[in-house]
Amino acid sequence: MENKMEYTVKWIINGEITVKAANKDEAETNIKNQLKALIEKNNQNFNALGATAIQGSANIKN
């Protein structure tokens, strides 16, 4: 019988998008709501992958 070891796998998903918004809060909220809907629609998959957090912040594009 094959002996298998347990491994902890940590992963990060990185992304960047340019959006038009009246202010930083609006830009962040827009993307946050889209990500929240994606996670809710695919909750079982996110849980199976061990996803525990998502975060981001907006900056003015030069």
N, C-alpha and C. Protein backbone atom coordinates (compact mmCIF):
# COMPACT_ATOMS: atom_id res chain seq x y z
N MET A 1 0.84 -1.18 0.00
CA MET A 1 0.00 0.00 0.00
C MET A 1 0.89 1.25 0.00
N GLU A 2 0.51 2.22 -0.78
CA GLU A 2 1.29 3.46 -0.91
C GLU A 2 1.05 4.38 0.29
N ASN A 3 2.14 4.86 0.87
CA ASN A 3 2.04 5.85 1.95
C ASN A 3 1.97 7.24 1.34
N LYS A 4 1.00 8.00 1.76
CA LYS A 4 0.86 9.36 1.26
C LYS A 4 1.07 10.34 2.40
N MET A 5 1.76 11.41 2.11
CA MET A 5 2.02 12.47 3.08
C MET A 5 0.93 13.53 2.94
N GLU A 6 0.69 14.27 4.02
CA GLU A 6 -0.22 15.40 3.98
C GLU A 6 0.57 16.67 3.74
N TYR A 7 0.05 17.51 2.88
CA TYR A 7 0.69 18.79 2.56
C TYR A 7 -0.32 19.91 2.76
N THR A 8 0.15 21.02 3.27
CA THR A 8 -0.65 22.23 3.33
C THR A 8 -0.27 23.07 2.12
N VAL A 9 -1.27 23.42 1.32
CA VAL A 9 -1.03 24.22 0.11
C VAL A 9 -1.64 25.59 0.34
N LYS A 10 -0.81 26.63 0.29
CA LYS A 10 -1.29 28.01 0.40
C LYS A 10 -1.24 28.61 -0.99
N TRP A 11 -2.27 29.35 -1.35
CA TRP A 11 -2.33 29.92 -2.69
C TRP A 11 -2.87 31.34 -2.62
N ILE A 12 -2.53 32.11 -3.61
CA ILE A 12 -2.98 33.50 -3.72
C ILE A 12 -3.47 33.71 -5.15
N ILE A 13 -4.60 34.35 -5.28
CA ILE A 13 -5.08 34.76 -6.60
C ILE A 13 -4.91 36.27 -6.65
N ASN A 14 -4.18 36.74 -7.64
CA ASN A 14 -3.91 38.17 -7.77
C ASN A 14 -4.58 38.68 -9.04
N GLY A 15 -5.14 39.86 -8.98
CA GLY A 15 -5.77 40.42 -10.16
C GLY A 15 -5.76 41.94 -10.12
N GLU A 16 -6.03 42.52 -11.26
CA GLU A 16 -6.07 43.98 -11.35
C GLU A 16 -7.05 44.35 -12.46
N ILE A 17 -7.91 45.30 -12.19
CA ILE A 17 -8.88 45.75 -13.17
C ILE A 17 -8.99 47.27 -13.06
N THR A 18 -9.23 47.92 -14.16
CA THR A 18 -9.45 49.36 -14.17
C THR A 18 -10.94 49.61 -14.30
N VAL A 19 -11.50 50.38 -13.38
CA VAL A 19 -12.93 50.71 -13.41
C VAL A 19 -13.09 52.22 -13.29
N LYS A 20 -14.19 52.72 -13.81
CA LYS A 20 -14.51 54.14 -13.66
C LYS A 20 -15.49 54.27 -12.51
N ALA A 21 -15.20 55.18 -11.60
CA ALA A 21 -16.05 55.39 -10.43
C ALA A 21 -15.88 56.83 -9.95
N ALA A 22 -16.86 57.29 -9.19
CA ALA A 22 -16.82 58.65 -8.66
C ALA A 22 -15.76 58.82 -7.59
N ASN A 23 -15.46 57.72 -6.86
CA ASN A 23 -14.47 57.79 -5.80
C ASN A 23 -13.95 56.39 -5.48
N LYS A 24 -12.96 56.34 -4.60
CA LYS A 24 -12.31 55.08 -4.23
C LYS A 24 -13.30 54.09 -3.65
N ASP A 25 -14.17 54.55 -2.76
CA ASP A 25 -15.14 53.66 -2.12
C ASP A 25 -16.07 53.02 -3.15
N GLU A 26 -16.52 53.81 -4.11
CA GLU A 26 -17.40 53.28 -5.15
C GLU A 26 -16.68 52.23 -6.00
N ALA A 27 -15.44 52.49 -6.34
CA ALA A 27 -14.65 51.54 -7.13
C ALA A 27 -14.48 50.22 -6.39
N GLU A 28 -14.11 50.31 -5.12
CA GLU A 28 -13.91 49.10 -4.31
C GLU A 28 -15.22 48.34 -4.10
N THR A 29 -16.29 49.06 -3.83
CA THR A 29 -17.59 48.43 -3.60
C THR A 29 -18.09 47.72 -4.84
N ASN A 30 -17.89 48.32 -6.00
CA ASN A 30 -18.31 47.71 -7.26
C ASN A 30 -17.66 46.35 -7.44
N ILE A 31 -16.36 46.29 -7.29
CA ILE A 31 -15.62 45.04 -7.48
C ILE A 31 -15.94 44.07 -6.35
N LYS A 32 -16.03 44.57 -5.13
CA LYS A 32 -16.36 43.72 -3.98
C LYS A 32 -17.69 43.00 -4.20
N ASN A 33 -18.69 43.73 -4.70
CA ASN A 33 -20.00 43.13 -4.94
C ASN A 33 -19.95 42.08 -6.04
N GLN A 34 -19.16 42.32 -7.07
CA GLN A 34 -19.02 41.33 -8.14
C GLN A 34 -18.33 40.06 -7.62
N LEU A 35 -17.28 40.24 -6.84
CA LEU A 35 -16.58 39.09 -6.27
C LEU A 35 -17.47 38.34 -5.28
N LYS A 36 -18.23 39.07 -4.48
CA LYS A 36 -19.13 38.45 -3.52
C LYS A 36 -20.17 37.58 -4.24
N ALA A 37 -20.72 38.08 -5.35
CA ALA A 37 -21.70 37.32 -6.12
C ALA A 37 -21.06 36.06 -6.71
N LEU A 38 -19.83 36.19 -7.20
CA LEU A 38 -19.11 35.04 -7.75
C LEU A 38 -18.89 33.97 -6.68
N ILE A 39 -18.48 34.40 -5.50
CA ILE A 39 -18.22 33.47 -4.40
C ILE A 39 -19.52 32.79 -3.96
N GLU A 40 -20.59 33.57 -3.83
CA GLU A 40 -21.87 33.00 -3.40
C GLU A 40 -22.38 31.97 -4.41
N LYS A 41 -22.20 32.26 -5.70
CA LYS A 41 -22.65 31.36 -6.76
C LYS A 41 -21.82 30.07 -6.78
N ASN A 42 -20.58 30.15 -6.35
CA ASN A 42 -19.66 29.01 -6.38
C ASN A 42 -19.15 28.66 -4.99
N ASN A 43 -19.99 28.85 -3.99
CA ASN A 43 -19.58 28.68 -2.60
C ASN A 43 -18.98 27.32 -2.30
N GLN A 44 -19.57 26.27 -2.83
CA GLN A 44 -19.07 24.92 -2.56
C GLN A 44 -17.64 24.77 -3.08
N ASN A 45 -17.36 25.29 -4.26
CA ASN A 45 -16.01 25.21 -4.82
C ASN A 45 -15.01 26.02 -4.00
N PHE A 46 -15.40 27.22 -3.58
CA PHE A 46 -14.50 28.05 -2.78
C PHE A 46 -14.19 27.37 -1.46
N ASN A 47 -15.20 26.76 -0.85
CA ASN A 47 -14.98 26.05 0.42
C ASN A 47 -14.07 24.85 0.22
N ALA A 48 -14.26 24.11 -0.88
CA ALA A 48 -13.43 22.93 -1.15
C ALA A 48 -11.97 23.32 -1.36
N LEU A 49 -11.74 24.53 -1.86
CA LEU A 49 -10.37 25.02 -2.09
C LEU A 49 -9.78 25.68 -0.85
N GLY A 50 -10.55 25.77 0.22
CA GLY A 50 -10.03 26.33 1.46
C GLY A 50 -9.99 27.85 1.48
N ALA A 51 -10.72 28.49 0.57
CA ALA A 51 -10.70 29.96 0.51
C ALA A 51 -11.31 30.53 1.79
N THR A 52 -10.59 31.44 2.43
CA THR A 52 -11.06 32.02 3.68
C THR A 52 -11.16 33.54 3.64
N ALA A 53 -10.55 34.18 2.65
CA ALA A 53 -10.58 35.64 2.62
C ALA A 53 -10.31 36.14 1.21
N ILE A 54 -10.79 37.35 0.98
CA ILE A 54 -10.52 38.06 -0.27
C ILE A 54 -10.35 39.51 0.14
N GLN A 55 -9.41 40.20 -0.43
CA GLN A 55 -9.23 41.60 -0.07
C GLN A 55 -8.69 42.37 -1.26
N GLY A 56 -8.87 43.66 -1.23
CA GLY A 56 -8.35 44.50 -2.30
C GLY A 56 -8.52 45.96 -1.93
N SER A 57 -7.88 46.81 -2.68
CA SER A 57 -8.02 48.25 -2.48
C SER A 57 -7.83 48.96 -3.80
N ALA A 58 -8.45 50.12 -3.91
CA ALA A 58 -8.38 50.91 -5.14
C ALA A 58 -7.35 52.03 -5.00
N ASN A 59 -6.74 52.36 -6.10
CA ASN A 59 -5.82 53.50 -6.18
C ASN A 59 -6.14 54.26 -7.46
N ILE A 60 -5.98 55.56 -7.42
CA ILE A 60 -6.22 56.39 -8.60
C ILE A 60 -5.20 56.02 -9.66
N LYS A 61 -5.70 55.79 -10.88
CA LYS A 61 -4.82 55.44 -11.99
C LYS A 61 -4.21 56.71 -12.56
N ASN A 62 -2.92 56.67 -12.78
CA ASN A 62 -2.23 57.85 -13.34
C ASN A 62 -2.32 57.87 -14.84
